[in-house]
Protein backbone atom coordinates (compact mmCIF):
# COMPACT_ATOMS: atom_id res chain seq x y z
CA MET A 1 -15.05 -34.27 6.49
CA THR A 2 -17.03 -31.77 4.41
CA GLU A 3 -20.53 -31.10 5.74
CA SER A 4 -22.92 -31.82 2.85
CA LYS A 5 -25.72 -29.69 4.29
CA PHE A 6 -23.89 -26.57 3.01
CA ASP A 7 -23.68 -25.38 -0.60
CA PHE A 8 -20.02 -24.52 0.05
CA ASP A 9 -17.48 -25.00 2.78
CA LEU A 10 -16.32 -21.40 2.33
CA ILE A 11 -17.66 -18.32 0.60
CA VAL A 12 -15.30 -15.38 0.12
CA ILE A 13 -16.92 -11.99 -0.45
CA GLY A 14 -14.55 -9.92 -2.58
CA ALA A 15 -11.97 -10.99 -5.17
CA GLY A 16 -9.11 -8.64 -4.45
CA TYR A 17 -5.69 -9.96 -3.42
CA GLY A 18 -6.92 -10.99 0.04
CA GLY A 19 -9.99 -12.77 -1.29
CA PHE A 20 -8.05 -14.34 -4.15
CA ASP A 21 -5.33 -15.82 -1.92
CA ALA A 22 -7.91 -17.04 0.60
CA ALA A 23 -10.04 -18.74 -2.06
CA LYS A 24 -7.05 -20.30 -3.82
CA HIS A 25 -5.51 -21.58 -0.59
CA ALA A 26 -8.82 -22.99 0.61
CA ALA A 27 -9.42 -24.83 -2.68
CA GLU A 28 -5.91 -26.26 -2.55
CA LYS A 29 -6.74 -27.45 0.98
CA GLY A 30 -9.67 -29.41 -0.45
CA LEU A 31 -12.51 -27.09 0.56
CA ARG A 32 -15.48 -26.38 -1.71
CA VAL A 33 -15.08 -22.66 -2.31
CA ALA A 34 -17.03 -19.86 -3.95
CA ILE A 35 -15.85 -16.28 -4.39
CA VAL A 36 -18.29 -13.41 -4.90
CA GLU A 37 -17.28 -10.29 -6.83
CA THR A 38 -19.41 -7.40 -8.05
CA ALA A 39 -16.70 -5.60 -10.07
CA GLU A 40 -13.45 -6.69 -11.71
CA MET A 41 -11.53 -9.73 -10.49
CA GLY A 42 -8.38 -8.66 -8.70
CA GLY A 43 -9.88 -5.78 -6.74
CA THR A 44 -8.14 -2.44 -6.19
CA CYS A 45 -4.56 -3.75 -6.42
CA VAL A 46 -4.88 -5.27 -9.86
CA ASN A 47 -7.31 -2.82 -11.43
CA ARG A 48 -6.84 0.56 -9.78
CA GLY A 49 -3.83 0.32 -7.48
CA CYS A 50 -0.53 -1.53 -7.26
CA VAL A 51 -0.44 -3.02 -10.75
CA PRO A 52 -1.33 -0.07 -13.01
CA SER A 53 0.42 2.52 -10.83
CA LYS A 54 3.67 0.54 -10.89
CA ALA A 55 3.38 0.22 -14.67
CA LEU A 56 3.05 4.02 -14.90
CA LEU A 57 5.98 4.48 -12.50
CA ALA A 58 8.12 2.10 -14.55
CA ALA A 59 7.44 3.93 -17.81
CA SER A 60 7.68 7.46 -16.39
CA GLY A 61 10.80 6.44 -14.48
CA LYS A 62 12.51 5.55 -17.75
CA VAL A 63 11.50 8.94 -19.15
CA ARG A 64 12.96 10.63 -16.07
CA GLU A 65 16.19 8.67 -16.34
CA ILE A 66 16.71 9.38 -20.04
CA ALA A 67 15.78 13.04 -19.62
CA ASN A 68 18.22 13.56 -16.76
CA TYR A 69 20.94 15.00 -19.01
CA ASP A 70 23.16 16.21 -16.16
CA HIS A 71 23.15 12.77 -14.56
CA LEU A 72 23.87 10.93 -17.81
CA SER A 73 26.61 13.37 -18.81
CA LYS A 74 28.58 12.27 -15.73
CA PHE A 75 28.77 8.83 -17.37
CA GLY A 76 29.84 10.45 -20.63
CA ILE A 77 26.42 9.75 -22.15
CA HIS A 78 24.62 12.37 -24.20
CA THR A 79 21.02 11.91 -25.34
CA SER A 80 18.61 13.72 -27.61
CA PRO A 81 15.44 15.32 -26.22
CA VAL A 82 13.12 12.62 -24.93
CA ARG A 83 9.87 11.89 -26.71
CA PHE A 84 7.10 9.75 -25.27
CA GLU A 85 3.53 8.82 -26.16
CA ARG A 86 1.12 9.24 -23.28
CA ALA A 87 -1.41 6.87 -24.86
CA LYS A 88 1.12 4.05 -25.14
CA ILE A 89 2.23 4.52 -21.54
CA SER A 90 -1.43 4.31 -20.56
CA ASP A 91 -1.90 1.24 -22.76
CA HIS A 92 1.07 -0.44 -21.05
CA ALA A 93 -0.68 -0.07 -17.68
CA ASN A 94 -4.09 -1.13 -19.01
CA ASN A 95 -2.72 -4.18 -20.81
CA LEU A 96 -0.87 -5.28 -17.70
CA VAL A 97 -4.11 -5.02 -15.72
CA LEU A 98 -6.00 -7.14 -18.26
CA ASN A 99 -3.25 -9.76 -18.33
CA ILE A 100 -3.00 -10.15 -14.55
CA ARG A 101 -6.78 -10.06 -14.09
CA GLU A 102 -7.15 -12.85 -16.64
CA ASN A 103 -4.41 -14.88 -14.96
CA LEU A 104 -6.08 -14.55 -11.55
CA THR A 105 -9.43 -15.66 -12.95
CA LYS A 106 -7.89 -18.67 -14.69
CA THR A 107 -6.00 -19.64 -11.55
CA LEU A 108 -9.16 -19.69 -9.43
CA THR A 109 -11.05 -21.68 -12.05
CA ARG A 110 -8.20 -24.16 -12.37
CA VAL A 111 -8.14 -24.94 -8.64
CA GLY A 112 -11.91 -25.38 -8.56
CA VAL A 113 -13.17 -22.12 -7.07
CA GLN A 114 -16.66 -21.19 -8.25
CA ILE A 115 -16.85 -17.52 -9.25
CA ILE A 116 -20.21 -15.90 -8.51
CA ARG A 117 -20.82 -12.48 -10.05
CA GLY A 118 -22.84 -9.98 -8.06
CA PHE A 119 -22.92 -7.95 -4.83
CA GLY A 120 -22.42 -10.21 -1.82
CA ARG A 121 -23.82 -9.71 1.66
CA ILE A 122 -24.29 -11.78 4.80
CA GLU A 123 -27.78 -13.20 5.26
CA GLN A 124 -27.66 -14.26 8.89
CA HIS A 125 -25.51 -17.09 10.24
CA GLN A 126 -23.75 -19.17 7.55
CA ARG A 127 -25.73 -17.61 4.73
CA VAL A 128 -24.52 -15.33 1.93
CA GLY A 129 -26.84 -13.46 -0.38
CA VAL A 130 -25.77 -12.35 -3.86
CA ARG A 131 -27.60 -9.81 -6.02
CA ASP A 132 -26.62 -10.03 -9.68
CA LYS A 133 -26.58 -7.22 -12.25
CA ASN A 134 -30.23 -7.89 -13.09
CA GLY A 135 -31.28 -7.43 -9.47
CA ILE A 136 -31.92 -11.12 -8.91
CA ASP A 137 -31.11 -12.42 -5.43
CA LYS A 138 -29.75 -15.84 -4.58
CA ILE A 139 -28.94 -17.24 -1.16
CA PHE A 140 -26.06 -19.68 -0.59
CA SER A 141 -25.24 -21.60 2.56
CA CYS A 142 -21.69 -22.15 3.77
CA LYS A 143 -19.82 -23.32 6.81
CA ASP A 144 -17.54 -20.24 6.92
CA ILE A 145 -17.44 -16.75 5.44
CA ILE A 146 -14.46 -14.52 4.67
CA ILE A 147 -15.16 -10.84 4.11
CA ALA A 148 -12.56 -9.34 1.76
CA THR A 149 -14.33 -6.32 0.30
CA GLY A 150 -11.37 -3.93 0.36
CA SER A 151 -11.48 -0.14 0.39
CA SER A 152 -12.16 2.90 -1.78
CA PRO A 153 -10.55 6.34 -2.07
CA PHE A 154 -11.68 8.80 0.60
CA VAL A 155 -12.93 12.13 -0.72
CA PRO A 156 -13.24 14.79 2.02
CA LYS A 157 -16.30 16.95 2.39
CA GLY A 158 -16.26 20.00 0.11
CA ILE A 159 -14.41 18.26 -2.73
CA SER A 160 -16.46 17.45 -5.83
CA CYS A 161 -15.04 14.84 -8.21
CA ASP A 162 -16.00 14.73 -11.89
CA GLY A 163 -13.53 11.98 -12.81
CA ARG A 164 -11.86 14.20 -15.38
CA THR A 165 -10.53 17.40 -13.83
CA VAL A 166 -10.93 16.34 -10.19
CA PHE A 167 -10.29 12.67 -9.58
CA THR A 168 -8.87 10.00 -7.29
CA SER A 169 -6.21 7.36 -7.90
CA ASP A 170 -8.95 5.17 -9.45
CA GLU A 171 -9.00 7.52 -12.45
CA ALA A 172 -5.36 8.66 -12.27
CA VAL A 173 -4.02 5.19 -13.13
CA LYS A 174 -5.75 5.45 -16.52
CA LEU A 175 -3.53 8.45 -17.42
CA GLU A 176 -6.14 9.75 -19.87
CA TRP A 177 -4.44 13.16 -20.10
CA LEU A 178 -1.51 15.13 -18.74
CA PRO A 179 -2.52 18.41 -17.08
CA ARG A 180 0.00 21.22 -17.34
CA TRP A 181 -0.51 22.02 -13.66
CA ILE A 182 -1.96 19.52 -11.20
CA ALA A 183 -2.60 19.85 -7.49
CA ILE A 184 -2.25 16.69 -5.41
CA ILE A 185 -4.13 16.73 -2.12
CA GLY A 186 -2.23 14.50 0.31
CA SER A 187 1.47 13.67 0.59
CA GLY A 188 1.32 10.03 1.60
CA TYR A 189 2.55 7.20 -0.61
CA ILE A 190 -0.21 7.65 -3.21
CA GLY A 191 0.42 11.37 -3.56
CA LEU A 192 4.18 10.89 -3.73
CA GLU A 193 4.00 8.15 -6.37
CA PHE A 194 1.75 10.17 -8.64
CA ALA A 195 3.86 13.29 -8.14
CA ASP A 196 6.75 11.14 -9.37
CA VAL A 197 4.80 10.10 -12.47
CA TYR A 198 3.45 13.55 -13.33
CA THR A 199 6.71 15.45 -12.89
CA ALA A 200 8.60 12.86 -14.97
CA LEU A 201 6.10 13.45 -17.78
CA GLY A 202 6.47 17.23 -17.65
CA CYS A 203 3.64 18.38 -15.37
CA GLU A 204 3.93 21.01 -12.66
CA VAL A 205 2.70 19.82 -9.26
CA THR A 206 1.39 21.59 -6.18
CA MET A 207 1.22 19.26 -3.19
CA ILE A 208 -1.29 20.15 -0.48
CA GLU A 209 -1.03 18.61 3.00
CA ALA A 210 -3.41 19.20 5.93
CA LEU A 211 -0.86 18.22 8.57
CA GLY A 212 2.04 20.41 9.64
CA ASN A 213 4.68 18.81 7.43
CA ILE A 214 4.88 17.26 3.98
CA MET A 215 5.25 13.44 4.10
CA PRO A 216 3.96 13.22 7.70
CA THR A 217 3.55 9.43 7.74
CA PHE A 218 7.22 8.68 7.03
CA ASP A 219 10.17 8.52 9.42
CA PRO A 220 11.37 12.12 10.03
CA ASP A 221 15.01 11.37 9.17
CA ILE A 222 13.97 9.57 5.99
CA THR A 223 11.64 12.43 5.11
CA LYS A 224 14.41 15.00 5.53
CA ILE A 225 16.70 13.29 3.01
CA ALA A 226 13.91 12.09 0.69
CA LYS A 227 12.33 15.53 0.32
CA LYS A 228 15.52 16.89 -1.24
CA THR A 229 15.32 14.39 -4.10
CA LEU A 230 11.60 13.67 -4.46
CA ILE A 231 10.24 17.19 -3.97
CA GLN A 232 12.76 20.03 -3.75
CA SER A 233 14.73 19.01 -6.85
CA ARG A 234 11.57 18.70 -8.94
CA ASP A 235 8.90 21.02 -10.23
CA ILE A 236 6.82 20.61 -7.05
CA GLU A 237 5.42 23.38 -4.87
CA THR A 238 4.32 22.36 -1.38
CA LYS A 239 1.67 23.79 0.93
CA ALA A 240 1.46 22.24 4.41
CA ASN A 241 -0.92 22.87 7.32
CA VAL A 242 -3.76 23.78 4.96
CA PHE A 243 -7.05 22.08 4.09
CA ALA A 244 -8.53 22.04 0.61
CA THR A 245 -11.94 22.99 1.97
CA LYS A 246 -13.62 23.41 -1.39
CA VAL A 247 -12.64 21.99 -4.77
CA THR A 248 -14.80 22.75 -7.80
CA PRO A 249 -14.23 20.87 -11.07
CA GLY A 250 -13.94 22.77 -14.31
CA CYS A 251 -11.49 24.50 -16.56
CA PRO A 252 -9.71 25.70 -14.48
CA VAL A 253 -10.33 23.79 -11.25
CA SER A 254 -10.90 26.08 -8.28
CA ILE A 255 -9.35 25.19 -4.89
CA GLU A 256 -10.16 26.99 -1.67
CA LEU A 257 -7.37 26.61 0.91
CA THR A 258 -8.00 27.05 4.62
CA ASP A 259 -5.35 27.33 7.33
CA ALA A 260 -5.50 24.22 9.52
CA THR A 261 -4.74 26.22 12.67
CA THR A 262 -6.76 29.43 12.29
CA LYS A 263 -9.50 27.89 10.10
CA LYS A 264 -9.38 31.01 7.92
CA ILE A 265 -9.34 30.92 4.12
CA THR A 266 -5.80 31.76 3.04
CA GLU A 267 -5.75 31.29 -0.72
CA ASN A 268 -7.71 30.36 -3.82
CA LEU A 269 -5.84 28.35 -6.43
CA GLU A 270 -6.77 27.72 -10.03
CA VAL A 271 -5.15 24.66 -11.60
CA ASP A 272 -5.77 22.36 -14.55
CA ALA A 273 -6.54 19.27 -12.46
CA VAL A 274 -6.68 17.92 -8.93
CA LEU A 275 -5.78 14.44 -7.69
CA VAL A 276 -7.40 13.62 -4.35
CA ALA A 277 -5.01 11.32 -2.45
CA THR A 278 -6.36 11.66 1.08
CA GLY A 279 -6.45 8.01 2.13
CA ARG A 280 -8.94 5.18 1.80
CA ILE A 281 -12.15 4.05 3.52
CA PRO A 282 -13.45 0.49 4.00
CA ASN A 283 -16.04 -1.07 1.72
CA SER A 284 -18.35 -2.36 4.45
CA ASN A 285 -21.66 -0.68 3.60
CA GLY A 286 -24.40 -2.96 2.34
CA LEU A 287 -22.86 -6.15 3.74
CA ASN A 288 -25.73 -6.59 6.24
CA LEU A 289 -23.18 -7.15 8.99
CA GLY A 290 -25.72 -6.53 11.72
CA SER A 291 -27.52 -9.76 10.81
CA VAL A 292 -24.74 -11.68 12.60
CA GLY A 293 -24.01 -9.06 15.24
CA ILE A 294 -21.01 -7.36 13.63
CA GLU A 295 -20.47 -3.72 14.54
CA THR A 296 -17.88 -1.70 12.64
CA ASN A 297 -15.45 0.94 13.89
CA ARG A 298 -15.57 3.85 11.42
CA GLY A 299 -16.58 1.26 8.85
CA PHE A 300 -13.68 -1.09 9.64
CA ILE A 301 -14.35 -4.67 10.74
CA THR A 302 -12.52 -5.62 13.94
CA ILE A 303 -10.55 -8.88 13.85
CA ASN A 304 -8.11 -10.78 16.03
CA ASP A 305 -4.74 -12.07 14.83
CA GLN A 306 -6.40 -15.23 13.52
CA MET A 307 -8.62 -13.08 11.24
CA ARG A 308 -11.74 -13.99 13.19
CA VAL A 309 -14.26 -11.15 13.38
CA ILE A 310 -14.78 -9.96 16.95
CA ASN A 311 -17.12 -7.61 18.82
CA ASP A 312 -16.18 -6.58 22.36
CA LYS A 313 -13.49 -9.28 22.31
CA LYS A 314 -16.15 -11.91 21.53
CA ILE A 315 -15.69 -13.99 18.40
CA ILE A 316 -18.44 -13.91 15.79
CA PRO A 317 -18.78 -17.60 14.82
CA ASN A 318 -17.73 -18.70 11.32
CA VAL A 319 -16.96 -15.17 10.07
CA TYR A 320 -13.47 -13.95 9.13
CA ALA A 321 -12.28 -10.71 7.52
CA VAL A 322 -9.09 -9.83 5.65
CA GLY A 323 -7.56 -6.92 3.77
CA ASP A 324 -8.29 -3.21 3.77
CA VAL A 325 -11.77 -3.64 5.25
CA THR A 326 -10.07 -4.62 8.54
CA GLY A 327 -8.12 -1.35 8.78
CA LYS A 328 -4.81 -3.04 9.50
CA LEU A 329 -1.83 -2.44 7.17
CA MET A 330 -3.68 -1.48 3.99
CA LEU A 331 -1.33 -3.28 1.60
CA ALA A 332 -2.01 -5.99 -0.97
CA HIS A 333 0.56 -8.38 0.48
CA THR A 334 -0.93 -7.91 3.95
CA ALA A 335 -4.35 -8.86 2.60
CA ALA A 336 -2.90 -11.92 0.87
CA ALA A 337 -1.15 -13.05 4.06
CA GLN A 338 -4.31 -12.50 6.08
CA GLY A 339 -6.30 -14.56 3.57
CA VAL A 340 -4.00 -17.55 3.92
CA ILE A 341 -3.99 -17.30 7.73
CA ALA A 342 -7.80 -17.12 7.81
CA VAL A 343 -8.02 -20.33 5.80
CA GLU A 344 -5.45 -22.07 7.99
CA ASN A 345 -7.60 -21.31 11.02
CA ILE A 346 -10.74 -22.45 9.21
CA CYS A 347 -8.93 -25.74 8.57
CA GLY A 348 -8.14 -26.12 12.26
CA ASN A 349 -4.53 -24.96 12.18
CA SER A 350 -3.98 -22.23 14.75
CA LYS A 351 -2.08 -19.46 12.91
CA GLU A 352 -1.57 -15.81 13.76
CA ILE A 353 -0.16 -12.82 11.89
CA ASN A 354 2.68 -10.57 13.02
CA TYR A 355 2.18 -7.15 11.45
CA LYS A 356 5.62 -6.00 12.64
CA THR A 357 7.23 -8.29 10.05
CA ILE A 358 5.31 -6.89 7.07
CA PRO A 359 7.29 -4.40 4.97
CA ALA A 360 5.84 -1.42 3.11
CA ALA A 361 7.23 0.50 0.16
CA THR A 362 6.64 3.67 -1.82
CA PHE A 363 7.77 3.19 -5.42
CA THR A 364 9.10 6.63 -6.16
CA HIS A 365 12.49 7.18 -7.82
CA PRO A 366 14.36 6.47 -5.53
CA GLU A 367 12.13 4.31 -3.34
CA ILE A 368 11.11 4.53 0.32
CA SER A 369 10.50 1.47 2.48
CA SER A 370 9.94 0.48 6.09
CA VAL A 371 9.23 -2.45 8.37
CA GLY A 372 8.56 -2.88 12.07
CA LEU A 373 8.47 -0.08 14.61
CA SER A 374 8.81 3.64 14.06
CA GLU A 375 11.38 5.43 16.19
CA ASN A 376 8.68 7.02 18.36
CA ASP A 377 6.88 3.73 18.97
CA ALA A 378 10.19 2.02 19.73
CA LYS A 379 11.06 4.70 22.29
CA GLU A 380 7.73 4.23 24.06
CA ILE A 381 8.11 0.45 24.15
CA SER A 382 11.70 0.67 25.39
CA LYS A 383 10.57 2.83 28.33
CA LYS A 384 7.64 0.55 29.08
CA ASP A 385 9.69 -2.67 28.85
CA ASN A 386 12.83 -1.10 30.36
CA PHE A 387 15.42 -1.83 27.69
CA SER A 388 18.03 0.32 25.96
CA LEU A 389 17.12 1.41 22.46
CA GLY A 390 19.69 1.51 19.69
CA ILE A 391 19.52 3.46 16.42
CA VAL A 392 22.15 3.43 13.68
CA LYS A 393 22.24 4.95 10.19
CA SER A 394 23.94 3.52 7.13
CA TYR A 395 24.41 5.78 4.10
CA PHE A 396 24.32 4.97 0.39
CA LYS A 397 27.10 7.50 -0.23
CA ALA A 398 29.51 4.97 1.31
CA ASN A 399 28.26 2.12 -0.90
CA SER A 400 30.31 1.17 -3.97
CA LYS A 401 27.34 0.05 -6.06
CA ALA A 402 25.37 3.22 -5.35
CA LEU A 403 28.43 5.31 -6.24
CA ALA A 404 28.89 3.36 -9.48
CA GLU A 405 25.27 4.10 -10.35
CA LEU A 406 25.72 7.77 -9.35
CA GLU A 407 22.72 7.21 -7.07
CA SER A 408 24.26 7.77 -3.65
CA ASP A 409 21.47 9.84 -2.06
CA GLY A 410 20.04 7.41 0.44
CA MET A 411 20.00 6.16 4.00
CA LEU A 412 19.02 3.14 6.08
CA LYS A 413 17.90 3.71 9.65
CA LEU A 414 17.99 0.58 11.82
CA ILE A 415 16.18 0.39 15.17
CA PHE A 416 17.13 -2.37 17.62
CA ASN A 417 17.09 -3.49 21.23
CA LYS A 418 20.60 -2.85 22.63
CA ASP A 419 20.10 -5.36 25.45
CA SER A 420 19.00 -8.34 23.35
CA GLY A 421 20.24 -7.25 19.93
CA LYS A 422 16.83 -7.98 18.39
CA VAL A 423 15.92 -5.94 15.31
CA LEU A 424 12.81 -3.80 15.91
CA GLY A 425 12.44 -1.87 12.67
CA ALA A 426 14.07 -0.23 9.69
CA HIS A 427 13.39 2.69 7.36
CA ILE A 428 15.14 3.14 4.02
CA PHE A 429 15.33 5.79 1.31
CA GLY A 430 17.42 5.07 -1.73
CA LEU A 431 17.95 3.00 -4.84
CA HIS A 432 15.93 -0.26 -4.65
CA ALA A 433 14.84 0.41 -1.06
CA ALA A 434 11.72 -1.70 -1.68
CA ASP A 435 13.91 -4.76 -2.28
CA LEU A 436 16.43 -4.05 0.49
CA ILE A 437 13.77 -3.87 3.20
CA GLN A 438 12.92 -7.54 2.77
CA GLU A 439 16.20 -8.60 4.34
CA VAL A 440 15.37 -6.69 7.52
CA ALA A 441 11.76 -7.92 7.47
CA ASN A 442 13.05 -11.50 7.38
CA ALA A 443 15.36 -10.79 10.31
CA ILE A 444 12.44 -9.49 12.40
CA ALA A 445 10.27 -12.45 11.40
CA ARG A 446 13.00 -14.86 12.51
CA ASN A 447 13.64 -12.94 15.73
CA GLN A 448 17.31 -12.57 14.85
CA ASP A 449 19.77 -10.33 16.65
CA VAL A 450 22.28 -7.95 15.12
CA THR A 451 25.29 -9.81 16.53
CA GLN A 452 24.31 -12.84 14.47
CA LEU A 453 23.28 -10.78 11.44
CA ALA A 454 26.56 -8.85 11.41
CA THR A 455 28.44 -12.06 10.58
CA GLU A 456 26.42 -12.76 7.42
CA ILE A 457 28.41 -12.19 4.22
CA HIS A 458 26.94 -9.94 1.53
CA THR A 459 27.93 -9.82 -2.14
CA HIS A 460 30.32 -7.01 -3.07
CA PRO A 461 29.61 -4.62 -4.64
CA THR A 462 25.84 -4.58 -4.02
CA LEU A 463 23.36 -2.30 -2.37
CA SER A 464 22.73 -5.03 0.22
CA GLU A 465 25.98 -3.95 1.87
CA VAL A 466 24.06 -0.91 3.16
CA VAL A 467 22.17 -3.39 5.35
CA GLU A 468 25.36 -5.22 6.31
CA VAL A 469 27.01 -1.98 7.47
CA ALA A 470 23.97 -1.14 9.62
CA TYR A 471 24.04 -4.58 11.25
CA LYS A 472 27.75 -4.23 12.03
CA GLN A 473 27.29 -0.75 13.50
CA ALA A 474 24.45 -2.06 15.67
CA ALA A 475 26.42 -5.12 16.78
CA ALA A 476 29.22 -2.85 17.97
CA GLN A 477 26.78 -1.24 20.43
CA ILE A 478 25.57 -4.44 22.04
CA LYS A 479 26.57 -4.64 25.70
């Protein structure tokens, strides 16, 4: 029964994917829900992340495909020089953002969620304050609160952004111009995706990485094969083990590079533009978290697997957090899943999340994807839990569909427990890797073993047979 002493049963602070799914699910469960948003509905994913970047990747990917004369000539296809309009590619991304943002807003309104515009903060136990654009404060009471304030691009000390010549992914998705030569600081998924876009549209790229190797967050075997296609075959220069210690906007942009080991300045670059892709930081400032005893860890809000906010393993009553602000897997679909689980627990249904079943993808051409454990983590766990670890590799060059597409550069690496046969993780580089990973993610979620999976019949000829081959290789190793 709803407690009438509260203005709302639930207030969600932040209308990104996590907040949206939480609010929608709660309303469908019959709760009286409000969602507070100070910027655009849809958060980073819709406005400055997944949605516009994938629109740019789709358009630039078509340019790359049509302009790949050597590749097309192997099919007997000959094309004229490719022409494209930057403004229309940009418009495609912007229009998609507007469309999805409008759809999200209509969906929330339709299910009865009240949208409150302004900056939300906690005002002690079961109270949320909202300051609107005119500086007017209002206080609302609620039984439960979900914090879903997301994250923002991290800009290291010494780098000055002007939004035009030095910028983050927030500005890059607008594609307002195409620099002849652009430096990308960071070689994670954001840096790789934008390198894909810029090189497809004719820009030269210099990729700068502070760690010892380019693409340090990816599986080493996947990195080895992916680098050949995504970096070495393109107009990309790489500089690893160096910090961009000073970046000054202008025409040209000045970059001071410092050796990560010796800490000595090694080089000064002058480029047309710089994209800062050095990770993201949580949006937790100004939330007045201390009013209910919440302490952050480097700005991140600590939660348990039920999305309840905790401090020193003690639950903070009636407060939940989801999405990037929690510092878990910083992915839109993770936030959405967390939002639903938080609501289920608010409604009295004990639900927990399993992060090992959540896949991740980098939407380059070809794609990179992963789910579950890395090889290093799996090795540590196998020693700790005393089981034999199995690793097999399945190659796209043996797949009929990949060969028909002339896209046979790719590999799937499957990690499994040789004693039980349970799938522990997978890493893929190749055509449609982002789609293929879901099959393995489902297997992990269902706790399936490779002996069972190896008997499942896959359509021929399809890329999914890459997964089938890996399962069969793994099943052959089971004791």
